[in-house]
């Protein structure tokens, strides 16, 4: 994975799997596609997908609500819908913040 890019793509995931595991390039690509499909199915059926050490994807229902068209200012009703939310695990939060897994939010050293 390149550190100069801002977005990790499915193609990059497949390439990383291909270069690190003894499988064919097409098989690596199929593996990524199958994983994404499994996640979609899990969200559609169970409304929750938990990946240990990474986080939880869950489906929340939103009720209909009032809104407005920003171009015209006209009032409208936004329909009820489902949205996918992601709650990162503490391990992922620590990794993103460059902390060791034993460190906690609010830990600090006092000046003497």
PDB file of N, CA and C in Angstrom:
ATOM      1  N   UNK A   1       0.843  -1.181   0.000  1.00  0.00           N
ATOM      2  CA  UNK A   1       0.000   0.000   0.000  1.00  0.00           C
ATOM      3  C   UNK A   1       0.883   1.238   0.000  1.00  0.00           C
ATOM      4  N   UNK A   2       0.524   2.164  -0.812  1.00  0.00           N
ATOM      5  CA  UNK A   2       1.284   3.387  -0.949  1.00  0.00           C
ATOM      6  C   UNK A   2       0.857   4.408   0.090  1.00  0.00           C
ATOM      7  N   UNK A   3       1.826   5.078   0.708  1.00  0.00           N
ATOM      8  CA  UNK A   3       1.491   6.086   1.713  1.00  0.00           C
ATOM      9  C   UNK A   3       1.166   7.433   1.086  1.00  0.00           C
ATOM     10  N   UNK A   4       1.374   7.599  -0.215  1.00  0.00           N
ATOM     11  CA  UNK A   4       1.092   8.870  -0.858  1.00  0.00           C
ATOM     12  C   UNK A   4      -0.352   8.983  -1.321  1.00  0.00           C
ATOM     13  N   UNK A   5      -1.092   7.896  -1.336  1.00  0.00           N
ATOM     14  CA  UNK A   5      -2.485   7.927  -1.767  1.00  0.00           C
ATOM     15  C   UNK A   5      -3.390   8.200  -0.581  1.00  0.00           C
ATOM     16  N   UNK A   6      -4.543   8.778  -0.864  1.00  0.00           N
ATOM     17  CA  UNK A   6      -5.491   9.117   0.184  1.00  0.00           C
ATOM     18  C   UNK A   6      -6.576   8.077   0.349  1.00  0.00           C
ATOM     19  N   UNK A   7      -6.646   7.108  -0.558  1.00  0.00           N
ATOM     20  CA  UNK A   7      -7.741   6.152  -0.540  1.00  0.00           C
ATOM     21  C   UNK A   7      -7.223   4.751  -0.858  1.00  0.00           C
ATOM     22  N   UNK A   8      -7.633   3.788  -0.057  1.00  0.00           N
ATOM     23  CA  UNK A   8      -7.284   2.396  -0.308  1.00  0.00           C
ATOM     24  C   UNK A   8      -8.384   1.788  -1.162  1.00  0.00           C
ATOM     25  N   UNK A   9      -8.020   1.238  -2.299  1.00  0.00           N
ATOM     26  CA  UNK A   9      -9.007   0.685  -3.229  1.00  0.00           C
ATOM     27  C   UNK A   9      -9.074  -0.837  -3.138  1.00  0.00           C
ATOM     28  N   UNK A  10     -10.143  -1.398  -3.724  1.00  0.00           N
ATOM     29  CA  UNK A  10     -10.262  -2.856  -3.782  1.00  0.00           C
ATOM     30  C   UNK A  10      -9.097  -3.451  -4.567  1.00  0.00           C
ATOM     31  N   UNK A  11      -8.684  -2.766  -5.630  1.00  0.00           N
ATOM     32  CA  UNK A  11      -7.562  -3.255  -6.437  1.00  0.00           C
ATOM     33  C   UNK A  11      -6.279  -3.310  -5.612  1.00  0.00           C
ATOM     34  N   UNK A  12      -6.066  -2.310  -4.761  1.00  0.00           N
ATOM     35  CA  UNK A  12      -4.873  -2.319  -3.899  1.00  0.00           C
ATOM     36  C   UNK A  12      -4.955  -3.422  -2.852  1.00  0.00           C
ATOM     37  N   UNK A  13      -6.134  -3.663  -2.324  1.00  0.00           N
ATOM     38  CA  UNK A  13      -6.296  -4.767  -1.377  1.00  0.00           C
ATOM     39  C   UNK A  13      -5.970  -6.091  -2.054  1.00  0.00           C
ATOM     40  N   UNK A  14      -6.510  -6.295  -3.251  1.00  0.00           N
ATOM     41  CA  UNK A  14      -6.251  -7.533  -3.994  1.00  0.00           C
ATOM     42  C   UNK A  14      -4.765  -7.670  -4.312  1.00  0.00           C
ATOM     43  N   UNK A  15      -4.129  -6.581  -4.693  1.00  0.00           N
ATOM     44  CA  UNK A  15      -2.691  -6.602  -5.008  1.00  0.00           C
ATOM     45  C   UNK A  15      -1.867  -6.964  -3.774  1.00  0.00           C
ATOM     46  N   UNK A  16      -2.234  -6.427  -2.630  1.00  0.00           N
ATOM     47  CA  UNK A  16      -1.520  -6.738  -1.393  1.00  0.00           C
ATOM     48  C   UNK A  16      -1.679  -8.208  -1.027  1.00  0.00           C
ATOM     49  N   UNK A  17      -2.881  -8.729  -1.182  1.00  0.00           N
ATOM     50  CA  UNK A  17      -3.106 -10.160  -0.911  1.00  0.00           C
ATOM     51  C   UNK A  17      -2.288 -11.007  -1.874  1.00  0.00           C
ATOM     52  N   UNK A  18      -2.277 -10.626  -3.140  1.00  0.00           N
ATOM     53  CA  UNK A  18      -1.530 -11.359  -4.167  1.00  0.00           C
ATOM     54  C   UNK A  18      -0.032 -11.387  -3.857  1.00  0.00           C
ATOM     55  N   UNK A  19       0.510 -10.248  -3.417  1.00  0.00           N
ATOM     56  CA  UNK A  19       1.962 -10.176  -3.178  1.00  0.00           C
ATOM     57  C   UNK A  19       2.382 -10.816  -1.857  1.00  0.00           C
ATOM     58  N   UNK A  20       1.447 -10.951  -0.918  1.00  0.00           N
ATOM     59  CA  UNK A  20       1.820 -11.510   0.381  1.00  0.00           C
ATOM     60  C   UNK A  20       1.419 -12.970   0.570  1.00  0.00           C
ATOM     61  N   UNK A  21       0.563 -13.478  -0.299  1.00  0.00           N
ATOM     62  CA  UNK A  21       0.110 -14.861  -0.161  1.00  0.00           C
ATOM     63  C   UNK A  21       0.364 -15.616  -1.469  1.00  0.00           C
ATOM     64  N   UNK A  22       0.549 -16.913  -1.380  1.00  0.00           N
ATOM     65  CA  UNK A  22       0.812 -17.686  -2.596  1.00  0.00           C
ATOM     66  C   UNK A  22      -0.480 -18.041  -3.359  1.00  0.00           C
ATOM     67  N   UNK A  23      -1.174 -17.029  -3.860  1.00  0.00           N
ATOM     68  CA  UNK A  23      -2.370 -17.278  -4.665  1.00  0.00           C
ATOM     69  C   UNK A  23      -2.307 -16.432  -5.931  1.00  0.00           C
ATOM     70  N   UNK A  24      -3.111 -16.816  -6.912  1.00  0.00           N
ATOM     71  CA  UNK A  24      -3.141 -16.106  -8.191  1.00  0.00           C
ATOM     72  C   UNK A  24      -3.801 -14.737  -8.027  1.00  0.00           C
ATOM     73  N   UNK A  25      -3.465 -13.828  -8.933  1.00  0.00           N
ATOM     74  CA  UNK A  25      -3.998 -12.466  -8.886  1.00  0.00           C
ATOM     75  C   UNK A  25      -5.528 -12.456  -8.975  1.00  0.00           C
ATOM     76  N   UNK A  26      -6.091 -13.251  -9.878  1.00  0.00           N
ATOM     77  CA  UNK A  26      -7.551 -13.297 -10.023  1.00  0.00           C
ATOM     78  C   UNK A  26      -8.206 -13.837  -8.762  1.00  0.00           C
ATOM     79  N   UNK A  27      -7.574 -14.823  -8.140  1.00  0.00           N
ATOM     80  CA  UNK A  27      -8.105 -15.393  -6.901  1.00  0.00           C
ATOM     81  C   UNK A  27      -8.089 -14.351  -5.781  1.00  0.00           C
ATOM     82  N   UNK A  28      -7.052 -13.529  -5.727  1.00  0.00           N
ATOM     83  CA  UNK A  28      -6.969 -12.458  -4.730  1.00  0.00           C
ATOM     84  C   UNK A  28      -8.083 -11.449  -4.952  1.00  0.00           C
ATOM     85  N   UNK A  29      -8.335 -11.096  -6.199  1.00  0.00           N
ATOM     86  CA  UNK A  29      -9.406 -10.162  -6.534  1.00  0.00           C
ATOM     87  C   UNK A  29     -10.770 -10.747  -6.165  1.00  0.00           C
ATOM     88  N   UNK A  30     -10.964 -12.022  -6.467  1.00  0.00           N
ATOM     89  CA  UNK A  30     -12.218 -12.702  -6.113  1.00  0.00           C
ATOM     90  C   UNK A  30     -12.410 -12.740  -4.599  1.00  0.00           C
ATOM     91  N   UNK A  31     -11.321 -12.935  -3.870  1.00  0.00           N
ATOM     92  CA  UNK A  31     -11.371 -12.972  -2.412  1.00  0.00           C
ATOM     93  C   UNK A  31     -11.875 -11.642  -1.843  1.00  0.00           C
ATOM     94  N   UNK A  32     -11.367 -10.536  -2.357  1.00  0.00           N
ATOM     95  CA  UNK A  32     -11.797  -9.207  -1.914  1.00  0.00           C
ATOM     96  C   UNK A  32     -13.279  -9.006  -2.245  1.00  0.00           C
ATOM     97  N   UNK A  33     -13.676  -9.346  -3.468  1.00  0.00           N
ATOM     98  CA  UNK A  33     -15.075  -9.197  -3.884  1.00  0.00           C
ATOM     99  C   UNK A  33     -16.001 -10.057  -3.018  1.00  0.00           C
ATOM    100  N   UNK A  34     -15.592 -11.298  -2.732  1.00  0.00           N
ATOM    101  CA  UNK A  34     -16.401 -12.190  -1.907  1.00  0.00           C
ATOM    102  C   UNK A  34     -16.542 -11.655  -0.481  1.00  0.00           C
ATOM    103  N   UNK A  35     -15.464 -11.112   0.056  1.00  0.00           N
ATOM    104  CA  UNK A  35     -15.500 -10.548   1.404  1.00  0.00           C
ATOM    105  C   UNK A  35     -16.495  -9.386   1.471  1.00  0.00           C
ATOM    106  N   UNK A  36     -16.446  -8.506   0.496  1.00  0.00           N
ATOM    107  CA  UNK A  36     -17.358  -7.360   0.463  1.00  0.00           C
ATOM    108  C   UNK A  36     -18.802  -7.839   0.319  1.00  0.00           C
ATOM    109  N   UNK A  37     -19.016  -8.841  -0.507  1.00  0.00           N
ATOM    110  CA  UNK A  37     -20.362  -9.386  -0.685  1.00  0.00           C
ATOM    111  C   UNK A  37     -20.875 -10.005   0.616  1.00  0.00           C
ATOM    112  N   UNK A  38     -20.013 -10.714   1.346  1.00  0.00           N
ATOM    113  CA  UNK A  38     -20.401 -11.283   2.635  1.00  0.00           C
ATOM    114  C   UNK A  38     -20.787 -10.190   3.630  1.00  0.00           C
ATOM    115  N   UNK A  39     -20.043  -9.092   3.618  1.00  0.00           N
ATOM    116  CA  UNK A  39     -20.359  -7.982   4.518  1.00  0.00           C
ATOM    117  C   UNK A  39     -21.718  -7.375   4.166  1.00  0.00           C
ATOM    118  N   UNK A  40     -21.987  -7.200   2.866  1.00  0.00           N
ATOM    119  CA  UNK A  40     -23.284  -6.671   2.437  1.00  0.00           C
ATOM    120  C   UNK A  40     -24.420  -7.580   2.888  1.00  0.00           C
ATOM    121  N   UNK A  41     -24.250  -8.878   2.665  1.00  0.00           N
ATOM    122  CA  UNK A  41     -25.270  -9.843   3.063  1.00  0.00           C
ATOM    123  C   UNK A  41     -25.491  -9.825   4.570  1.00  0.00           C
ATOM    124  N   UNK A  42     -24.413  -9.740   5.324  1.00  0.00           N
ATOM    125  CA  UNK A  42     -24.520  -9.679   6.784  1.00  0.00           C
ATOM    126  C   UNK A  42     -25.296  -8.456   7.237  1.00  0.00           C
ATOM    127  N   UNK A  43     -25.045  -7.325   6.611  1.00  0.00           N
ATOM    128  CA  UNK A  43     -25.767  -6.107   6.973  1.00  0.00           C
ATOM    129  C   UNK A  43     -27.238  -6.191   6.570  1.00  0.00           C
ATOM    130  N   UNK A  44     -27.510  -6.797   5.423  1.00  0.00           N
ATOM    131  CA  UNK A  44     -28.899  -6.925   4.976  1.00  0.00           C
ATOM    132  C   UNK A  44     -29.690  -7.879   5.869  1.00  0.00           C
ATOM    133  N   UNK A  45     -29.063  -8.972   6.292  1.00  0.00           N
ATOM    134  CA  UNK A  45     -29.772  -9.997   7.056  1.00  0.00           C
ATOM    135  C   UNK A  45     -29.730  -9.739   8.558  1.00  0.00           C
ATOM    136  N   UNK A  46     -28.559  -9.528   9.089  1.00  0.00           N
ATOM    137  CA  UNK A  46     -28.380  -9.453  10.537  1.00  0.00           C
ATOM    138  C   UNK A  46     -28.310  -8.034  11.068  1.00  0.00           C
ATOM    139  N   UNK A  47     -28.149  -7.080  10.170  1.00  0.00           N
ATOM    140  CA  UNK A  47     -28.049  -5.659  10.530  1.00  0.00           C
ATOM    141  C   UNK A  47     -26.781  -5.328  11.319  1.00  0.00           C
ATOM    142  N   UNK A  48     -25.821  -6.286  11.355  1.00  0.00           N
ATOM    143  CA  UNK A  48     -24.604  -6.045  12.127  1.00  0.00           C
ATOM    144  C   UNK A  48     -23.481  -6.956  11.623  1.00  0.00           C
ATOM    145  N   UNK A  49     -22.285  -6.365  11.433  1.00  0.00           N
ATOM    146  CA  UNK A  49     -21.098  -7.139  11.075  1.00  0.00           C
ATOM    147  C   UNK A  49     -19.979  -6.699  12.008  1.00  0.00           C
ATOM    148  N   UNK A  50     -19.449  -7.642  12.786  1.00  0.00           N
ATOM    149  CA  UNK A  50     -18.413  -7.333  13.751  1.00  0.00           C
ATOM    150  C   UNK A  50     -17.090  -7.943  13.300  1.00  0.00           C
ATOM    151  N   UNK A  51     -16.050  -7.112  13.187  1.00  0.00           N
ATOM    152  CA  UNK A  51     -14.718  -7.583  12.839  1.00  0.00           C
ATOM    153  C   UNK A  51     -13.819  -7.322  14.041  1.00  0.00           C
ATOM    154  N   UNK A  52     -13.448  -8.371  14.738  1.00  0.00           N
ATOM    155  CA  UNK A  52     -12.662  -8.254  15.953  1.00  0.00           C
ATOM    156  C   UNK A  52     -11.366  -7.490  15.701  1.00  0.00           C
ATOM    157  N   UNK A  53     -11.083  -6.517  16.548  1.00  0.00           N
ATOM    158  CA  UNK A  53      -9.869  -5.712  16.416  1.00  0.00           C
ATOM    159  C   UNK A  53      -9.997  -4.589  15.406  1.00  0.00           C
ATOM    160  N   UNK A  54     -11.120  -4.515  14.706  1.00  0.00           N
ATOM    161  CA  UNK A  54     -11.331  -3.465  13.705  1.00  0.00           C
ATOM    162  C   UNK A  54     -12.535  -2.608  14.070  1.00  0.00           C
ATOM    163  N   UNK A  55     -13.708  -3.236  14.179  1.00  0.00           N
ATOM    164  CA  UNK A  55     -14.891  -2.480  14.554  1.00  0.00           C
ATOM    165  C   UNK A  55     -16.164  -3.193  14.145  1.00  0.00           C
ATOM    166  N   UNK A  56     -17.281  -2.473  14.297  1.00  0.00           N
ATOM    167  CA  UNK A  56     -18.589  -3.023  14.005  1.00  0.00           C
ATOM    168  C   UNK A  56     -19.325  -2.135  13.018  1.00  0.00           C
ATOM    169  N   UNK A  57     -19.855  -2.761  11.971  1.00  0.00           N
ATOM    170  CA  UNK A  57     -20.733  -2.078  11.024  1.00  0.00           C
ATOM    171  C   UNK A  57     -22.144  -2.440  11.427  1.00  0.00           C
ATOM    172  N   UNK A  58     -23.028  -1.453  11.536  1.00  0.00           N
ATOM    173  CA  UNK A  58     -24.405  -1.754  11.867  1.00  0.00           C
ATOM    174  C   UNK A  58     -25.362  -0.879  11.077  1.00  0.00           C
ATOM    175  N   UNK A  59     -26.581  -1.397  10.926  1.00  0.00           N
ATOM    176  CA  UNK A  59     -27.613  -0.698  10.170  1.00  0.00           C
ATOM    177  C   UNK A  59     -28.543  -0.006  11.164  1.00  0.00           C
ATOM    178  N   UNK A  60     -28.720   1.288  11.004  1.00  0.00           N
ATOM    179  CA  UNK A  60     -29.663   2.064  11.812  1.00  0.00           C
ATOM    180  C   UNK A  60     -30.803   2.536  10.924  1.00  0.00           C
ATOM    181  N   UNK A  61     -31.996   2.531  11.468  1.00  0.00           N
ATOM    182  CA  UNK A  61     -33.154   3.029  10.730  1.00  0.00           C
ATOM    183  C   UNK A  61     -33.374   4.494  11.074  1.00  0.00           C
ATOM    184  N   UNK A  62     -33.616   5.281  10.042  1.00  0.00           N
ATOM    185  CA  UNK A  62     -33.941   6.691  10.243  1.00  0.00           C
ATOM    186  C   UNK A  62     -35.415   6.890   9.919  1.00  0.00           C
ATOM    187  N   UNK A  63     -36.098   7.638  10.758  1.00  0.00           N
ATOM    188  CA  UNK A  63     -37.509   7.943  10.526  1.00  0.00           C
ATOM    189  C   UNK A  63     -37.616   9.025   9.455  1.00  0.00           C
ATOM    190  N   UNK A  64     -38.793   9.158   8.872  1.00  0.00           N
ATOM    191  CA  UNK A  64     -38.991  10.282   7.946  1.00  0.00           C
ATOM    192  C   UNK A  64     -38.833  11.590   8.715  1.00  0.00           C
ATOM    193  N   UNK A  65     -38.326  12.611   8.049  1.00  0.00           N
ATOM    194  CA  UNK A  65     -38.147  13.885   8.730  1.00  0.00           C
ATOM    195  C   UNK A  65     -38.331  15.040   7.762  1.00  0.00           C
ATOM    196  N   UNK A  66     -38.549  16.191   8.333  1.00  0.00           N
ATOM    197  CA  UNK A  66     -38.708  17.377   7.500  1.00  0.00           C
ATOM    198  C   UNK A  66     -37.337  17.878   7.081  1.00  0.00           C
ATOM    199  N   UNK A  67     -37.270  18.379   5.859  1.00  0.00           N
ATOM    200  CA  UNK A  67     -36.039  18.941   5.338  1.00  0.00           C
ATOM    201  C   UNK A  67     -36.376  20.069   4.393  1.00  0.00           C
ATOM    202  N   UNK A  68     -35.376  20.551   3.684  1.00  0.00           N
ATOM    203  CA  UNK A  68     -35.640  21.587   2.692  1.00  0.00           C
ATOM    204  C   UNK A  68     -34.658  21.458   1.545  1.00  0.00           C
ATOM    205  N   UNK A  69     -35.093  21.876   0.388  1.00  0.00           N
ATOM    206  CA  UNK A  69     -34.241  21.904  -0.787  1.00  0.00           C
ATOM    207  C   UNK A  69     -33.318  23.113  -0.645  1.00  0.00           C
ATOM    208  N   UNK A  70     -31.997  22.898  -0.600  1.00  0.00           N
ATOM    209  CA  UNK A  70     -31.095  24.030  -0.386  1.00  0.00           C
ATOM    210  C   UNK A  70     -31.071  25.031  -1.550  1.00  0.00           C
ATOM    211  N   UNK A  71     -31.432  24.590  -2.739  1.00  0.00           N
ATOM    212  CA  UNK A  71     -31.429  25.501  -3.888  1.00  0.00           C
ATOM    213  C   UNK A  71     -32.663  26.394  -3.919  1.00  0.00           C
ATOM    214  N   UNK A  72     -33.813  25.818  -3.577  1.00  0.00           N
ATOM    215  CA  UNK A  72     -35.053  26.601  -3.681  1.00  0.00           C
ATOM    216  C   UNK A  72     -35.601  27.025  -2.329  1.00  0.00           C
ATOM    217  N   UNK A  73     -35.172  26.358  -1.266  1.00  0.00           N
ATOM    218  CA  UNK A  73     -35.702  26.652   0.058  1.00  0.00           C
ATOM    219  C   UNK A  73     -37.046  25.986   0.330  1.00  0.00           C
ATOM    220  N   UNK A  74     -37.574  25.232  -0.636  1.00  0.00           N
ATOM    221  CA  UNK A  74     -38.860  24.556  -0.474  1.00  0.00           C
ATOM    222  C   UNK A  74     -38.769  23.468   0.591  1.00  0.00           C
ATOM    223  N   UNK A  75     -39.800  23.387   1.439  1.00  0.00           N
ATOM    224  CA  UNK A  75     -39.873  22.340   2.456  1.00  0.00           C
ATOM    225  C   UNK A  75     -40.232  21.019   1.793  1.00  0.00           C
ATOM    226  N   UNK A  76     -39.699  19.924   2.344  1.00  0.00           N
ATOM    227  CA  UNK A  76     -40.021  18.599   1.839  1.00  0.00           C
ATOM    228  C   UNK A  76     -39.876  17.588   2.960  1.00  0.00           C
ATOM    229  N   UNK A  77     -40.405  16.411   2.731  1.00  0.00           N
ATOM    230  CA  UNK A  77     -40.290  15.325   3.706  1.00  0.00           C
ATOM    231  C   UNK A  77     -39.271  14.321   3.178  1.00  0.00           C
ATOM    232  N   UNK A  78     -38.250  14.076   3.974  1.00  0.00           N
ATOM    233  CA  UNK A  78     -37.242  13.064   3.622  1.00  0.00           C
ATOM    234  C   UNK A  78     -37.774  11.710   4.069  1.00  0.00           C
ATOM    235  N   UNK A  79     -37.711  10.728   3.191  1.00  0.00           N
ATOM    236  CA  UNK A  79     -38.280   9.412   3.456  1.00  0.00           C
ATOM    237  C   UNK A  79     -37.502   8.662   4.537  1.00  0.00           C
ATOM    238  N   UNK A  80     -38.162   7.675   5.120  1.00  0.00           N
ATOM    239  CA  UNK A  80     -37.504   6.777   6.070  1.00  0.00           C
ATOM    240  C   UNK A  80     -36.464   5.972   5.301  1.00  0.00           C
ATOM    241  N   UNK A  81     -35.352   5.673   5.958  1.00  0.00           N
ATOM    242  CA  UNK A  81     -34.304   4.923   5.268  1.00  0.00           C
ATOM    243  C   UNK A  81     -33.390   4.258   6.278  1.00  0.00           C
ATOM    244  N   UNK A  82     -32.598   3.342   5.784  1.00  0.00           N
ATOM    245  CA  UNK A  82     -31.586   2.682   6.595  1.00  0.00           C
ATOM    246  C   UNK A  82     -30.230   3.268   6.243  1.00  0.00           C
ATOM    247  N   UNK A  83     -29.381   3.438   7.250  1.00  0.00           N
ATOM    248  CA  UNK A  83     -28.027   3.934   7.032  1.00  0.00           C
ATOM    249  C   UNK A  83     -27.045   2.976   7.696  1.00  0.00           C
ATOM    250  N   UNK A  84     -25.874   2.857   7.115  1.00  0.00           N
ATOM    251  CA  UNK A  84     -24.829   2.013   7.689  1.00  0.00           C
ATOM    252  C   UNK A  84     -23.915   2.898   8.520  1.00  0.00           C
ATOM    253  N   UNK A  85     -23.703   2.478   9.774  1.00  0.00           N
ATOM    254  CA  UNK A  85     -22.805   3.199  10.668  1.00  0.00           C
ATOM    255  C   UNK A  85     -21.630   2.284  10.998  1.00  0.00           C
ATOM    256  N   UNK A  86     -20.508   2.898  11.338  1.00  0.00           N
ATOM    257  CA  UNK A  86     -19.326   2.133  11.719  1.00  0.00           C
ATOM    258  C   UNK A  86     -18.852   2.616  13.075  1.00  0.00           C
ATOM    259  N   UNK A  87     -18.632   1.665  13.980  1.00  0.00           N
ATOM    260  CA  UNK A  87     -18.095   1.985  15.292  1.00  0.00           C
ATOM    261  C   UNK A  87     -16.739   1.290  15.410  1.00  0.00           C
ATOM    262  N   UNK A  88     -15.645   2.063  15.398  1.00  0.00           N
ATOM    263  CA  UNK A  88     -14.318   1.444  15.454  1.00  0.00           C
ATOM    264  C   UNK A  88     -14.039   0.822  16.821  1.00  0.00           C
ATOM    265  N   UNK A  89     -13.235  -0.233  16.815  1.00  0.00           N
ATOM    266  CA  UNK A  89     -12.826  -0.862  18.073  1.00  0.00           C
ATOM    267  C   UNK A  89     -11.784   0.029  18.744  1.00  0.00           C
ATOM    268  N   UNK A  90     -11.564  -0.192  20.016  1.00  0.00           N
ATOM    269  CA  UNK A  90     -10.556   0.580  20.752  1.00  0.00           C
ATOM    270  C   UNK A  90      -9.170   0.318  20.166  1.00  0.00           C
ATOM    271  N   UNK A  91      -8.932  -0.895  19.686  1.00  0.00           N
ATOM    272  CA  UNK A  91      -7.642  -1.233  19.070  1.00  0.00           C
ATOM    273  C   UNK A  91      -7.414  -0.384  17.829  1.00  0.00           C
ATOM    274  N   UNK A  92      -8.438  -0.238  16.986  1.00  0.00           N
ATOM    275  CA  UNK A  92      -8.324   0.592  15.787  1.00  0.00           C
ATOM    276  C   UNK A  92      -8.144   2.058  16.155  1.00  0.00           C
ATOM    277  N   UNK A  93      -8.913   2.546  17.130  1.00  0.00           N
ATOM    278  CA  UNK A  93      -8.776   3.939  17.566  1.00  0.00           C
ATOM    279  C   UNK A  93      -7.349   4.225  18.016  1.00  0.00           C
ATOM    280  N   UNK A  94      -6.793   3.317  18.817  1.00  0.00           N
ATOM    281  CA  UNK A  94      -5.422   3.494  19.300  1.00  0.00           C
ATOM    282  C   UNK A  94      -4.424   3.489  18.151  1.00  0.00           C
ATOM    283  N   UNK A  95      -4.609   2.582  17.192  1.00  0.00           N
ATOM    284  CA  UNK A  95      -3.700   2.486  16.054  1.00  0.00           C
ATOM    285  C   UNK A  95      -3.738   3.759  15.211  1.00  0.00           C
ATOM    286  N   UNK A  96      -4.927   4.284  14.980  1.00  0.00           N
ATOM    287  CA  UNK A  96      -5.077   5.503  14.179  1.00  0.00           C
ATOM    288  C   UNK A  96      -4.428   6.693  14.876  1.00  0.00           C
ATOM    289  N   UNK A  97      -4.464   6.698  16.208  1.00  0.00           N
ATOM    290  CA  UNK A  97      -3.895   7.796  16.973  1.00  0.00           C
ATOM    291  C   UNK A  97      -2.438   7.561  17.352  1.00  0.00           C
ATOM    292  N   UNK A  98      -1.851   6.466  16.847  1.00  0.00           N
ATOM    293  CA  UNK A  98      -0.442   6.179  17.100  1.00  0.00           C
ATOM    294  C   UNK A  98      -0.154   5.787  18.532  1.00  0.00           C
ATOM    295  N   UNK A  99      -1.160   5.263  19.222  1.00  0.00           N
ATOM    296  CA  UNK A  99      -0.990   4.855  20.611  1.00  0.00           C
ATOM    297  C   UNK A  99      -0.785   3.358  20.690  1.00  0.00           C
ATOM    298  N   UNK A 100      -0.126   2.935  21.754  1.00  0.00           N
ATOM    299  CA  UNK A 100       0.000   1.502  22.005  1.00  0.00           C
ATOM    300  C   UNK A 100      -1.336   1.013  22.533  1.00  0.00           C
ATOM    301  N   UNK A 101      -1.620  -0.264  22.381  1.00  0.00           N
ATOM    302  CA  UNK A 101      -2.931  -0.788  22.764  1.00  0.00           C
ATOM    303  C   UNK A 101      -3.193  -0.686  24.260  1.00  0.00           C
ATOM    304  N   UNK A 102      -2.178  -0.538  25.103  1.00  0.00           N
ATOM    305  CA  UNK A 102      -2.382  -0.413  26.543  1.00  0.00           C
ATOM    306  C   UNK A 102      -2.678   1.006  26.985  1.00  0.00           C
ATOM    307  N   UNK A 103      -2.426   1.992  26.127  1.00  0.00           N
ATOM    308  CA  UNK A 103      -2.660   3.383  26.491  1.00  0.00           C
ATOM    309  C   UNK A 103      -4.142   3.691  26.443  1.00  0.00           C
ATOM    310  N   UNK A 104      -4.572   4.600  27.277  1.00  0.00           N
ATOM    311  CA  UNK A 104      -5.978   4.985  27.322  1.00  0.00           C
ATOM    312  C   UNK A 104      -6.112   6.476  27.142  1.00  0.00           C
ATOM    313  N   UNK A 105      -7.272   6.848  26.649  1.00  0.00           N
ATOM    314  CA  UNK A 105      -7.603   8.247  26.520  1.00  0.00           C
ATOM    315  C   UNK A 105      -7.597   8.868  27.909  1.00  0.00           C
ATOM    316  N   UNK A 106      -7.002  10.034  28.051  1.00  0.00           N
ATOM    317  CA  UNK A 106      -6.982  10.697  29.337  1.00  0.00           C
ATOM    318  C   UNK A 106      -5.719  10.399  30.133  1.00  0.00           C
ATOM    319  N   UNK A 107      -4.890   9.434  29.693  1.00  0.00           N
ATOM    320  CA  UNK A 107      -3.619   9.184  30.368  1.00  0.00           C
ATOM    321  C   UNK A 107      -2.684  10.342  30.051  1.00  0.00           C
ATOM    322  N   UNK A 108      -2.021  10.848  31.078  1.00  0.00           N
ATOM    323  CA  UNK A 108      -1.082  11.925  30.852  1.00  0.00           C
ATOM    324  C   UNK A 108      -0.052  11.918  31.956  1.00  0.00           C
ATOM    325  N   UNK A 109       1.057  12.598  31.702  1.00  0.00           N
ATOM    326  CA  UNK A 109       2.104  12.728  32.704  1.00  0.00           C
ATOM    327  C   UNK A 109       1.988  14.104  33.322  1.00  0.00           C
ATOM    328  N   UNK A 110       2.130  14.168  34.640  1.00  0.00           N
ATOM    329  CA  UNK A 110       2.069  15.454  35.325  1.00  0.00           C
ATOM    330  C   UNK A 110       3.457  16.029  35.416  1.00  0.00           C
ATOM    331  N   UNK A 111       3.557  17.345  35.261  1.00  0.00           N
ATOM    332  CA  UNK A 111       4.835  18.046  35.474  1.00  0.00           C
ATOM    333  C   UNK A 111       5.052  18.205  36.967  1.00  0.00           C
ATOM    334  N   UNK A 112       6.270  17.950  37.405  1.00  0.00           N
ATOM    335  CA  UNK A 112       6.545  18.109  38.834  1.00  0.00           C
ATOM    336  C   UNK A 112       7.264  19.389  39.068  1.00  0.00           C
TER     337      UNK A 112
END
